[in-house]
Amino acid sequence: MARKANPNRRIVLLDGITEALYTRPIGEISFRTLAESLGVSTYTLVYHFGTREELLQAILQSITDQQTVALKLVDAELHTVDDLVAHLEHAFDVMADPENRQLQRIEIEAAMLGVMSPDLLPDARRTFDTWLQVIKSGLTEIGLPDDRADIAARMLVDGMYGIKYDLVLTADVERATDAFRTLLDRSRLALGDATRRDA
């Protein structure tokens, strides 16, 4: 009877793999290069993760889980425009952190891999889709009709992801912060006007 993989060992390995990806592109990883970085055998990685695609899916799931917790995407309480803005301000502070910028770089690279490998795309999109769902839910709670909440949520998330890309690409936190504050200020005004019209 085959021995079952130790889930705790898998978590430790994933943490080490994520750290290894801070200094190399996700597209270049292989069991051999990761095994060398972690000081383990390639057999250990194959035993815990199976194929390279399953390894990539595990990495993306791990990053999504970390981002979901750090960005407080679970059970977000968004009842007013101010709640939403405060939530997004917290998210930006998390995104601007140097370690989280590395996770976002990996997420962006994974999305590009997902475009070329459709099996990976759902995993690469998970954080983006969660943001859309959370913000749309908050906007409907605030009082926007479903169709308008859908468009407004996409505009906010697209704006955030553009600024996230800016942070990853330039590391210019000051200018990215200015752009994000402007996005939030304009969104606050637009959402306030929209909810008053729909009241």
N, C-alpha and C. Protein backbone atom coordinates (compact mmCIF):
# COMPACT_ATOMS: atom_id res chain seq x y z
N MET A 1 0.85 -1.19 0.00
CA MET A 1 0.00 0.00 0.00
C MET A 1 0.88 1.24 0.00
N ALA A 2 0.57 2.19 -0.91
CA ALA A 2 1.40 3.40 -1.04
C ALA A 2 1.23 4.30 0.18
N ARG A 3 2.33 4.90 0.60
CA ARG A 3 2.32 5.84 1.71
C ARG A 3 1.71 7.16 1.27
N LYS A 4 0.86 7.78 2.12
CA LYS A 4 0.24 9.05 1.77
C LYS A 4 1.21 10.19 2.01
N ALA A 5 1.12 11.22 1.12
CA ALA A 5 1.99 12.39 1.29
C ALA A 5 1.63 13.12 2.57
N ASN A 6 2.65 13.59 3.29
CA ASN A 6 2.44 14.35 4.52
C ASN A 6 2.02 15.77 4.15
N PRO A 7 0.78 16.18 4.51
CA PRO A 7 0.32 17.52 4.11
C PRO A 7 1.16 18.65 4.70
N ASN A 8 1.70 18.43 5.93
CA ASN A 8 2.53 19.47 6.53
C ASN A 8 3.84 19.64 5.77
N ARG A 9 4.40 18.53 5.32
CA ARG A 9 5.64 18.58 4.52
C ARG A 9 5.38 19.33 3.22
N ARG A 10 4.21 19.10 2.64
CA ARG A 10 3.83 19.77 1.38
C ARG A 10 3.76 21.29 1.59
N ILE A 11 3.19 21.71 2.71
CA ILE A 11 3.09 23.15 3.02
C ILE A 11 4.47 23.76 3.17
N VAL A 12 5.36 23.07 3.90
CA VAL A 12 6.73 23.57 4.09
C VAL A 12 7.43 23.69 2.73
N LEU A 13 7.26 22.69 1.89
CA LEU A 13 7.88 22.72 0.55
C LEU A 13 7.32 23.88 -0.27
N LEU A 14 6.00 24.10 -0.20
CA LEU A 14 5.39 25.20 -0.95
C LEU A 14 5.93 26.55 -0.50
N ASP A 15 6.12 26.71 0.80
CA ASP A 15 6.70 27.97 1.31
C ASP A 15 8.10 28.18 0.73
N GLY A 16 8.90 27.12 0.72
CA GLY A 16 10.25 27.21 0.15
C GLY A 16 10.23 27.48 -1.34
N ILE A 17 9.28 26.87 -2.05
CA ILE A 17 9.16 27.07 -3.49
C ILE A 17 8.78 28.52 -3.79
N THR A 18 7.84 29.07 -3.00
CA THR A 18 7.43 30.46 -3.20
C THR A 18 8.61 31.40 -2.99
N GLU A 19 9.41 31.13 -1.94
CA GLU A 19 10.60 31.96 -1.70
C GLU A 19 11.58 31.85 -2.86
N ALA A 20 11.74 30.65 -3.40
CA ALA A 20 12.64 30.46 -4.54
C ALA A 20 12.17 31.26 -5.75
N LEU A 21 10.86 31.42 -5.89
CA LEU A 21 10.31 32.17 -7.03
C LEU A 21 10.48 33.68 -6.90
N TYR A 22 10.90 34.14 -5.72
CA TYR A 22 11.16 35.58 -5.57
C TYR A 22 12.32 36.02 -6.46
N THR A 23 13.18 35.08 -6.83
CA THR A 23 14.38 35.45 -7.59
C THR A 23 14.43 34.82 -8.98
N ARG A 24 13.35 34.17 -9.40
CA ARG A 24 13.35 33.57 -10.74
C ARG A 24 11.93 33.57 -11.31
N PRO A 25 11.81 33.63 -12.63
CA PRO A 25 10.48 33.61 -13.25
C PRO A 25 9.81 32.26 -13.07
N ILE A 26 8.49 32.28 -12.93
CA ILE A 26 7.74 31.05 -12.72
C ILE A 26 7.84 30.12 -13.93
N GLY A 27 7.97 30.70 -15.12
CA GLY A 27 8.05 29.90 -16.33
C GLY A 27 9.31 29.06 -16.43
N GLU A 28 10.33 29.41 -15.64
CA GLU A 28 11.61 28.69 -15.72
C GLU A 28 11.73 27.56 -14.71
N ILE A 29 10.74 27.43 -13.83
CA ILE A 29 10.91 26.44 -12.77
C ILE A 29 10.77 25.02 -13.32
N SER A 30 11.54 24.14 -12.70
CA SER A 30 11.45 22.71 -12.99
C SER A 30 11.67 21.99 -11.68
N PHE A 31 11.32 20.71 -11.64
CA PHE A 31 11.57 19.94 -10.43
C PHE A 31 13.05 19.95 -10.08
N ARG A 32 13.90 19.88 -11.10
CA ARG A 32 15.34 19.83 -10.84
C ARG A 32 15.84 21.12 -10.21
N THR A 33 15.48 22.28 -10.80
CA THR A 33 15.97 23.56 -10.26
C THR A 33 15.41 23.82 -8.87
N LEU A 34 14.13 23.48 -8.66
CA LEU A 34 13.55 23.69 -7.33
C LEU A 34 14.18 22.75 -6.31
N ALA A 35 14.42 21.51 -6.70
CA ALA A 35 15.04 20.55 -5.78
C ALA A 35 16.41 21.06 -5.34
N GLU A 36 17.18 21.60 -6.28
CA GLU A 36 18.50 22.15 -5.95
C GLU A 36 18.36 23.32 -4.97
N SER A 37 17.40 24.22 -5.22
CA SER A 37 17.19 25.38 -4.34
C SER A 37 16.79 24.97 -2.93
N LEU A 38 15.95 23.92 -2.84
CA LEU A 38 15.40 23.52 -1.55
C LEU A 38 16.26 22.49 -0.83
N GLY A 39 17.25 21.92 -1.55
CA GLY A 39 18.09 20.89 -0.93
C GLY A 39 17.36 19.58 -0.71
N VAL A 40 16.45 19.26 -1.64
CA VAL A 40 15.73 17.99 -1.57
C VAL A 40 15.91 17.27 -2.90
N SER A 41 15.42 16.06 -2.97
CA SER A 41 15.51 15.31 -4.22
C SER A 41 14.33 15.66 -5.13
N THR A 42 14.52 15.47 -6.42
CA THR A 42 13.40 15.68 -7.35
C THR A 42 12.28 14.70 -7.03
N TYR A 43 12.63 13.51 -6.54
CA TYR A 43 11.61 12.52 -6.18
C TYR A 43 10.68 13.08 -5.11
N THR A 44 11.25 13.82 -4.13
CA THR A 44 10.43 14.40 -3.06
C THR A 44 9.36 15.33 -3.65
N LEU A 45 9.77 16.16 -4.60
CA LEU A 45 8.82 17.09 -5.20
C LEU A 45 7.77 16.36 -6.04
N VAL A 46 8.21 15.38 -6.81
CA VAL A 46 7.25 14.60 -7.62
C VAL A 46 6.28 13.87 -6.69
N TYR A 47 6.79 13.33 -5.60
CA TYR A 47 5.96 12.59 -4.65
C TYR A 47 4.85 13.48 -4.07
N HIS A 48 5.21 14.74 -3.75
CA HIS A 48 4.24 15.64 -3.10
C HIS A 48 3.37 16.40 -4.09
N PHE A 49 3.85 16.59 -5.34
CA PHE A 49 3.11 17.45 -6.26
C PHE A 49 2.71 16.79 -7.58
N GLY A 50 3.27 15.64 -7.89
CA GLY A 50 2.87 14.97 -9.12
C GLY A 50 3.58 15.53 -10.34
N THR A 51 2.83 16.17 -11.22
CA THR A 51 3.38 16.72 -12.45
C THR A 51 3.76 18.19 -12.27
N ARG A 52 4.48 18.74 -13.25
CA ARG A 52 4.84 20.16 -13.21
C ARG A 52 3.58 21.03 -13.20
N GLU A 53 2.56 20.65 -13.97
CA GLU A 53 1.33 21.44 -13.98
C GLU A 53 0.63 21.40 -12.64
N GLU A 54 0.64 20.23 -11.99
CA GLU A 54 0.04 20.14 -10.65
C GLU A 54 0.84 20.97 -9.65
N LEU A 55 2.16 21.02 -9.83
CA LEU A 55 2.99 21.86 -8.98
C LEU A 55 2.62 23.33 -9.17
N LEU A 56 2.49 23.76 -10.43
CA LEU A 56 2.10 25.15 -10.70
C LEU A 56 0.74 25.47 -10.10
N GLN A 57 -0.20 24.54 -10.21
CA GLN A 57 -1.53 24.76 -9.62
C GLN A 57 -1.43 24.89 -8.10
N ALA A 58 -0.58 24.09 -7.48
CA ALA A 58 -0.40 24.17 -6.03
C ALA A 58 0.22 25.51 -5.63
N ILE A 59 1.19 25.98 -6.42
CA ILE A 59 1.82 27.28 -6.15
C ILE A 59 0.77 28.39 -6.24
N LEU A 60 -0.03 28.37 -7.30
CA LEU A 60 -1.05 29.40 -7.48
C LEU A 60 -2.09 29.35 -6.37
N GLN A 61 -2.49 28.15 -5.97
CA GLN A 61 -3.45 28.03 -4.87
C GLN A 61 -2.86 28.60 -3.58
N SER A 62 -1.58 28.31 -3.32
CA SER A 62 -0.93 28.83 -2.13
C SER A 62 -0.87 30.35 -2.14
N ILE A 63 -0.52 30.93 -3.29
CA ILE A 63 -0.45 32.39 -3.40
C ILE A 63 -1.83 33.00 -3.23
N THR A 64 -2.83 32.39 -3.85
CA THR A 64 -4.21 32.87 -3.71
C THR A 64 -4.64 32.84 -2.25
N ASP A 65 -4.34 31.76 -1.56
CA ASP A 65 -4.72 31.65 -0.15
C ASP A 65 -4.04 32.74 0.68
N GLN A 66 -2.75 32.97 0.42
CA GLN A 66 -2.03 34.02 1.15
C GLN A 66 -2.63 35.40 0.88
N GLN A 67 -2.94 35.66 -0.39
CA GLN A 67 -3.51 36.96 -0.75
C GLN A 67 -4.91 37.13 -0.18
N THR A 68 -5.69 36.06 -0.19
CA THR A 68 -7.06 36.13 0.34
C THR A 68 -7.05 36.52 1.81
N VAL A 69 -6.12 35.95 2.57
CA VAL A 69 -6.01 36.27 4.00
C VAL A 69 -5.47 37.69 4.17
N ALA A 70 -4.37 38.01 3.49
CA ALA A 70 -3.73 39.32 3.67
C ALA A 70 -4.63 40.46 3.23
N LEU A 71 -5.39 40.26 2.15
CA LEU A 71 -6.26 41.32 1.62
C LEU A 71 -7.64 41.32 2.27
N LYS A 72 -7.85 40.39 3.22
CA LYS A 72 -9.13 40.30 3.95
C LYS A 72 -10.30 40.15 2.97
N LEU A 73 -10.16 39.20 2.05
CA LEU A 73 -11.20 39.00 1.05
C LEU A 73 -12.31 38.07 1.53
N VAL A 74 -12.13 37.47 2.69
CA VAL A 74 -13.17 36.60 3.23
C VAL A 74 -13.98 37.37 4.26
N ASP A 75 -15.30 37.32 4.11
CA ASP A 75 -16.21 37.97 5.06
C ASP A 75 -15.95 39.47 5.19
N ALA A 76 -15.63 40.12 4.08
CA ALA A 76 -15.45 41.58 4.11
C ALA A 76 -16.79 42.24 4.42
N GLU A 77 -16.79 43.18 5.36
CA GLU A 77 -18.02 43.90 5.73
C GLU A 77 -18.05 45.22 4.96
N LEU A 78 -18.78 45.26 3.87
CA LEU A 78 -18.83 46.44 3.01
C LEU A 78 -20.27 46.92 2.91
N HIS A 79 -20.67 47.78 3.85
CA HIS A 79 -22.06 48.24 3.89
C HIS A 79 -22.23 49.67 3.38
N THR A 80 -21.11 50.41 3.32
CA THR A 80 -21.17 51.81 2.87
C THR A 80 -20.01 52.06 1.91
N VAL A 81 -20.07 53.19 1.22
CA VAL A 81 -18.96 53.60 0.35
C VAL A 81 -17.68 53.73 1.17
N ASP A 82 -17.78 54.30 2.38
CA ASP A 82 -16.61 54.46 3.24
C ASP A 82 -16.00 53.11 3.63
N ASP A 83 -16.87 52.10 3.90
CA ASP A 83 -16.36 50.75 4.19
C ASP A 83 -15.55 50.22 3.02
N LEU A 84 -16.08 50.40 1.81
CA LEU A 84 -15.41 49.90 0.61
C LEU A 84 -14.06 50.59 0.42
N VAL A 85 -14.05 51.91 0.57
CA VAL A 85 -12.82 52.67 0.39
C VAL A 85 -11.78 52.25 1.43
N ALA A 86 -12.21 52.09 2.69
CA ALA A 86 -11.28 51.68 3.75
C ALA A 86 -10.71 50.29 3.44
N HIS A 87 -11.54 49.41 2.92
CA HIS A 87 -11.09 48.06 2.57
C HIS A 87 -10.04 48.12 1.45
N LEU A 88 -10.28 48.95 0.46
CA LEU A 88 -9.35 49.08 -0.65
C LEU A 88 -8.05 49.75 -0.20
N GLU A 89 -8.14 50.69 0.73
CA GLU A 89 -6.92 51.32 1.27
C GLU A 89 -6.06 50.28 1.98
N HIS A 90 -6.71 49.41 2.77
CA HIS A 90 -5.97 48.32 3.43
C HIS A 90 -5.30 47.42 2.38
N ALA A 91 -6.06 47.09 1.34
CA ALA A 91 -5.54 46.21 0.29
C ALA A 91 -4.31 46.83 -0.37
N PHE A 92 -4.36 48.13 -0.60
CA PHE A 92 -3.22 48.77 -1.25
C PHE A 92 -1.98 48.73 -0.35
N ASP A 93 -2.18 48.95 0.95
CA ASP A 93 -1.04 48.87 1.87
C ASP A 93 -0.40 47.48 1.81
N VAL A 94 -1.22 46.46 1.71
CA VAL A 94 -0.71 45.09 1.59
C VAL A 94 0.02 44.91 0.26
N MET A 95 -0.59 45.39 -0.83
CA MET A 95 0.02 45.24 -2.15
C MET A 95 1.36 45.96 -2.25
N ALA A 96 1.50 47.08 -1.54
CA ALA A 96 2.73 47.88 -1.63
C ALA A 96 3.89 47.26 -0.86
N ASP A 97 3.60 46.32 0.02
CA ASP A 97 4.65 45.65 0.78
C ASP A 97 5.58 44.89 -0.18
N PRO A 98 6.91 45.03 -0.02
CA PRO A 98 7.84 44.40 -0.97
C PRO A 98 7.63 42.90 -1.15
N GLU A 99 7.38 42.16 -0.06
CA GLU A 99 7.19 40.71 -0.19
C GLU A 99 5.92 40.41 -0.99
N ASN A 100 4.86 41.16 -0.73
CA ASN A 100 3.62 40.93 -1.47
C ASN A 100 3.76 41.33 -2.95
N ARG A 101 4.62 42.29 -3.24
CA ARG A 101 4.85 42.62 -4.65
C ARG A 101 5.45 41.43 -5.39
N GLN A 102 6.27 40.65 -4.70
CA GLN A 102 6.82 39.45 -5.32
C GLN A 102 5.71 38.43 -5.61
N LEU A 103 4.79 38.27 -4.65
CA LEU A 103 3.67 37.35 -4.86
C LEU A 103 2.82 37.82 -6.05
N GLN A 104 2.64 39.13 -6.16
CA GLN A 104 1.84 39.66 -7.27
C GLN A 104 2.55 39.47 -8.60
N ARG A 105 3.87 39.59 -8.59
CA ARG A 105 4.63 39.33 -9.82
C ARG A 105 4.40 37.89 -10.27
N ILE A 106 4.48 36.97 -9.30
CA ILE A 106 4.26 35.56 -9.62
C ILE A 106 2.84 35.36 -10.16
N GLU A 107 1.88 36.02 -9.54
CA GLU A 107 0.48 35.93 -10.00
C GLU A 107 0.34 36.42 -11.44
N ILE A 108 0.98 37.54 -11.76
CA ILE A 108 0.92 38.10 -13.12
C ILE A 108 1.59 37.15 -14.11
N GLU A 109 2.76 36.63 -13.75
CA GLU A 109 3.45 35.67 -14.63
C GLU A 109 2.59 34.43 -14.84
N ALA A 110 1.94 33.97 -13.77
CA ALA A 110 1.09 32.78 -13.87
C ALA A 110 -0.09 33.03 -14.80
N ALA A 111 -0.63 34.25 -14.75
CA ALA A 111 -1.74 34.58 -15.64
C ALA A 111 -1.29 34.50 -17.10
N MET A 112 -0.08 34.96 -17.37
CA MET A 112 0.44 34.88 -18.74
C MET A 112 0.65 33.42 -19.16
N LEU A 113 1.14 32.59 -18.21
CA LEU A 113 1.27 31.16 -18.50
C LEU A 113 -0.11 30.55 -18.73
N GLY A 114 -1.09 31.00 -17.95
CA GLY A 114 -2.45 30.48 -18.07
C GLY A 114 -3.07 30.77 -19.42
N VAL A 115 -2.71 31.92 -20.01
CA VAL A 115 -3.22 32.25 -21.34
C VAL A 115 -2.72 31.20 -22.34
N MET A 116 -1.48 30.74 -22.14
CA MET A 116 -0.91 29.74 -23.04
C MET A 116 -1.30 28.32 -22.65
N SER A 117 -1.65 28.11 -21.38
CA SER A 117 -2.04 26.78 -20.90
C SER A 117 -3.40 26.90 -20.22
N PRO A 118 -4.49 26.72 -20.97
CA PRO A 118 -5.84 26.97 -20.44
C PRO A 118 -6.16 26.26 -19.13
N ASP A 119 -5.52 25.11 -18.86
CA ASP A 119 -5.79 24.40 -17.61
C ASP A 119 -5.34 25.21 -16.39
N LEU A 120 -4.35 26.09 -16.58
CA LEU A 120 -3.85 26.90 -15.46
C LEU A 120 -4.64 28.19 -15.26
N LEU A 121 -5.39 28.61 -16.27
CA LEU A 121 -6.01 29.93 -16.22
C LEU A 121 -6.97 30.11 -15.05
N PRO A 122 -7.83 29.13 -14.74
CA PRO A 122 -8.72 29.33 -13.58
C PRO A 122 -7.95 29.58 -12.29
N ASP A 123 -6.82 28.89 -12.10
CA ASP A 123 -6.00 29.10 -10.90
C ASP A 123 -5.35 30.48 -10.92
N ALA A 124 -4.87 30.89 -12.09
CA ALA A 124 -4.22 32.19 -12.22
C ALA A 124 -5.20 33.34 -12.01
N ARG A 125 -6.48 33.11 -12.32
CA ARG A 125 -7.50 34.16 -12.22
C ARG A 125 -8.17 34.23 -10.86
N ARG A 126 -7.87 33.29 -9.98
CA ARG A 126 -8.68 33.13 -8.77
C ARG A 126 -8.74 34.41 -7.92
N THR A 127 -7.61 35.07 -7.67
CA THR A 127 -7.63 36.28 -6.85
C THR A 127 -8.40 37.40 -7.54
N PHE A 128 -8.19 37.54 -8.85
CA PHE A 128 -8.90 38.56 -9.63
C PHE A 128 -10.41 38.33 -9.54
N ASP A 129 -10.84 37.10 -9.76
CA ASP A 129 -12.27 36.78 -9.72
C ASP A 129 -12.85 37.00 -8.32
N THR A 130 -12.06 36.68 -7.30
CA THR A 130 -12.53 36.89 -5.92
C THR A 130 -12.73 38.37 -5.65
N TRP A 131 -11.77 39.20 -6.11
CA TRP A 131 -11.93 40.65 -5.96
C TRP A 131 -13.21 41.13 -6.63
N LEU A 132 -13.46 40.68 -7.86
CA LEU A 132 -14.69 41.09 -8.56
C LEU A 132 -15.92 40.74 -7.74
N GLN A 133 -15.94 39.53 -7.22
CA GLN A 133 -17.10 39.07 -6.46
C GLN A 133 -17.28 39.89 -5.18
N VAL A 134 -16.20 40.10 -4.44
CA VAL A 134 -16.28 40.83 -3.17
C VAL A 134 -16.74 42.27 -3.39
N ILE A 135 -16.14 42.94 -4.38
CA ILE A 135 -16.49 44.35 -4.59
C ILE A 135 -17.89 44.48 -5.17
N LYS A 136 -18.26 43.60 -6.09
CA LYS A 136 -19.63 43.66 -6.62
C LYS A 136 -20.65 43.44 -5.51
N SER A 137 -20.38 42.47 -4.64
CA SER A 137 -21.28 42.21 -3.52
C SER A 137 -21.40 43.45 -2.62
N GLY A 138 -20.24 44.10 -2.36
CA GLY A 138 -20.27 45.32 -1.55
C GLY A 138 -21.06 46.44 -2.22
N LEU A 139 -20.91 46.57 -3.53
CA LEU A 139 -21.61 47.64 -4.25
C LEU A 139 -23.12 47.40 -4.28
N THR A 140 -23.54 46.15 -4.40
CA THR A 140 -24.97 45.87 -4.34
C THR A 140 -25.51 46.11 -2.93
N GLU A 141 -24.68 45.80 -1.93
CA GLU A 141 -25.07 46.09 -0.53
C GLU A 141 -25.23 47.59 -0.32
N ILE A 142 -24.34 48.36 -0.94
CA ILE A 142 -24.41 49.82 -0.83
C ILE A 142 -25.66 50.37 -1.52
N GLY A 143 -26.14 49.67 -2.54
CA GLY A 143 -27.38 50.10 -3.18
C GLY A 143 -27.35 50.21 -4.69
N LEU A 144 -26.24 49.82 -5.32
CA LEU A 144 -26.20 49.86 -6.78
C LEU A 144 -26.96 48.67 -7.35
N PRO A 145 -27.70 48.88 -8.44
CA PRO A 145 -28.34 47.73 -9.11
C PRO A 145 -27.28 46.77 -9.62
N ASP A 146 -27.67 45.52 -9.78
CA ASP A 146 -26.74 44.44 -10.12
C ASP A 146 -25.91 44.74 -11.35
N ASP A 147 -26.53 45.23 -12.44
CA ASP A 147 -25.77 45.46 -13.67
C ASP A 147 -24.76 46.58 -13.51
N ARG A 148 -25.14 47.63 -12.78
CA ARG A 148 -24.20 48.75 -12.57
C ARG A 148 -23.11 48.36 -11.58
N ALA A 149 -23.48 47.55 -10.58
CA ALA A 149 -22.47 47.08 -9.62
C ALA A 149 -21.43 46.23 -10.33
N ASP A 150 -21.86 45.44 -11.30
CA ASP A 150 -20.95 44.58 -12.04
C ASP A 150 -19.91 45.41 -12.81
N ILE A 151 -20.40 46.45 -13.49
CA ILE A 151 -19.48 47.31 -14.27
C ILE A 151 -18.56 48.10 -13.34
N ALA A 152 -19.13 48.67 -12.27
CA ALA A 152 -18.33 49.47 -11.33
C ALA A 152 -17.27 48.61 -10.66
N ALA A 153 -17.63 47.37 -10.30
CA ALA A 153 -16.65 46.47 -9.67
C ALA A 153 -15.51 46.17 -10.63
N ARG A 154 -15.83 45.90 -11.89
CA ARG A 154 -14.78 45.61 -12.86
C ARG A 154 -13.87 46.82 -13.06
N MET A 155 -14.45 48.02 -13.10
CA MET A 155 -13.61 49.22 -13.26
C MET A 155 -12.66 49.39 -12.08
N LEU A 156 -13.18 49.17 -10.86
CA LEU A 156 -12.32 49.30 -9.68
C LEU A 156 -11.21 48.24 -9.67
N VAL A 157 -11.59 47.00 -9.95
CA VAL A 157 -10.60 45.92 -9.93
C VAL A 157 -9.58 46.11 -11.04
N ASP A 158 -10.04 46.51 -12.23
CA ASP A 158 -9.10 46.76 -13.33
C ASP A 158 -8.13 47.89 -12.96
N GLY A 159 -8.65 48.95 -12.32
CA GLY A 159 -7.78 50.04 -11.88
C GLY A 159 -6.77 49.56 -10.86
N MET A 160 -7.21 48.74 -9.90
CA MET A 160 -6.31 48.19 -8.89
C MET A 160 -5.23 47.32 -9.53
N TYR A 161 -5.65 46.48 -10.48
CA TYR A 161 -4.68 45.59 -11.11
C TYR A 161 -3.68 46.36 -11.98
N GLY A 162 -4.13 47.44 -12.58
CA GLY A 162 -3.19 48.29 -13.32
C GLY A 162 -2.15 48.89 -12.40
N ILE A 163 -2.59 49.34 -11.22
CA ILE A 163 -1.66 49.92 -10.25
C ILE A 163 -0.78 48.83 -9.63
N LYS A 164 -1.34 47.64 -9.45
CA LYS A 164 -0.54 46.50 -8.98
C LYS A 164 0.58 46.21 -9.97
N TYR A 165 0.25 46.23 -11.26
CA TYR A 165 1.27 46.00 -12.29
C TYR A 165 2.33 47.10 -12.25
N ASP A 166 1.88 48.34 -12.03
CA ASP A 166 2.79 49.48 -11.89
C ASP A 166 3.78 49.22 -10.74
N LEU A 167 3.26 48.78 -9.60
CA LEU A 167 4.12 48.51 -8.44
C LEU A 167 5.15 47.42 -8.74
N VAL A 168 4.68 46.36 -9.41
CA VAL A 168 5.59 45.25 -9.74
C VAL A 168 6.65 45.71 -10.73
N LEU A 169 6.23 46.48 -11.73
CA LEU A 169 7.12 46.88 -12.82
C LEU A 169 8.12 47.95 -12.40
N THR A 170 7.64 48.97 -11.66
CA THR A 170 8.49 50.13 -11.37
C THR A 170 9.00 50.19 -9.93
N ALA A 171 8.30 49.52 -9.01
CA ALA A 171 8.61 49.61 -7.56
C ALA A 171 8.54 51.05 -7.06
N ASP A 172 7.86 51.93 -7.80
CA ASP A 172 7.72 53.33 -7.41
C ASP A 172 6.46 53.46 -6.55
N VAL A 173 6.63 53.17 -5.26
CA VAL A 173 5.49 53.13 -4.34
C VAL A 173 4.84 54.50 -4.21
N GLU A 174 5.66 55.56 -4.21
CA GLU A 174 5.11 56.90 -4.02
C GLU A 174 4.14 57.28 -5.14
N ARG A 175 4.57 57.10 -6.39
CA ARG A 175 3.70 57.48 -7.51
C ARG A 175 2.51 56.53 -7.64
N ALA A 176 2.73 55.26 -7.38
CA ALA A 176 1.62 54.30 -7.43
C ALA A 176 0.60 54.64 -6.34
N THR A 177 1.08 55.06 -5.17
CA THR A 177 0.18 55.46 -4.09
C THR A 177 -0.64 56.67 -4.51
N ASP A 178 0.00 57.65 -5.12
CA ASP A 178 -0.73 58.83 -5.60
C ASP A 178 -1.82 58.43 -6.60
N ALA A 179 -1.47 57.53 -7.52
CA ALA A 179 -2.45 57.08 -8.51
C ALA A 179 -3.60 56.34 -7.83
N PHE A 180 -3.27 55.52 -6.84
CA PHE A 180 -4.31 54.76 -6.16
C PHE A 180 -5.24 55.68 -5.36
N ARG A 181 -4.66 56.66 -4.66
CA ARG A 181 -5.49 57.61 -3.90
C ARG A 181 -6.43 58.38 -4.83
N THR A 182 -5.92 58.75 -6.00
CA THR A 182 -6.76 59.46 -6.98
C THR A 182 -7.89 58.55 -7.45
N LEU A 183 -7.57 57.29 -7.75
CA LEU A 183 -8.60 56.32 -8.14
C LEU A 183 -9.68 56.21 -7.06
N LEU A 184 -9.25 56.10 -5.80
CA LEU A 184 -10.22 55.98 -4.71
C LEU A 184 -11.06 57.23 -4.54
N ASP A 185 -10.43 58.40 -4.62
CA ASP A 185 -11.17 59.66 -4.47
C ASP A 185 -12.25 59.78 -5.55
N ARG A 186 -11.88 59.48 -6.78
CA ARG A 186 -12.85 59.58 -7.88
C ARG A 186 -13.94 58.52 -7.75
N SER A 187 -13.54 57.35 -7.32
CA SER A 187 -14.53 56.27 -7.14
C SER A 187 -15.50 56.61 -6.01
N ARG A 188 -14.98 57.19 -4.93
CA ARG A 188 -15.84 57.57 -3.81
C ARG A 188 -16.90 58.57 -4.27
N LEU A 189 -16.46 59.58 -5.03
CA LEU A 189 -17.41 60.58 -5.53
C LEU A 189 -18.43 59.96 -6.47
N ALA A 190 -17.95 59.13 -7.41
CA ALA A 190 -18.85 58.53 -8.39
C ALA A 190 -19.84 57.58 -7.72
N LEU A 191 -19.36 56.79 -6.75
CA LEU A 191 -20.25 55.85 -6.08
C LEU A 191 -21.25 56.57 -5.19
N GLY A 192 -20.79 57.65 -4.54
CA GLY A 192 -21.72 58.45 -3.74
C GLY A 192 -22.83 59.03 -4.60
N ASP A 193 -22.47 59.57 -5.77
CA ASP A 193 -23.48 60.11 -6.69
C ASP A 193 -24.42 59.00 -7.16
N ALA A 194 -23.84 57.85 -7.51
CA ALA A 194 -24.65 56.76 -8.05
C ALA A 194 -25.64 56.23 -7.02
N THR A 195 -25.19 56.08 -5.78
CA THR A 195 -26.11 55.54 -4.75
C THR A 195 -27.19 56.55 -4.40
N ARG A 196 -26.87 57.85 -4.46
CA ARG A 196 -27.91 58.86 -4.22
C ARG A 196 -28.96 58.84 -5.33
N ARG A 197 -28.51 58.66 -6.58
CA ARG A 197 -29.45 58.60 -7.71
C ARG A 197 -30.36 57.39 -7.61
N ASP A 198 -29.80 56.29 -7.10
CA ASP A 198 -30.59 55.05 -7.06
C ASP A 198 -31.40 54.91 -5.76
N ALA A 199 -31.21 55.86 -4.84
CA ALA A 199 -31.93 55.78 -3.56
C ALA A 199 -33.41 56.07 -3.75
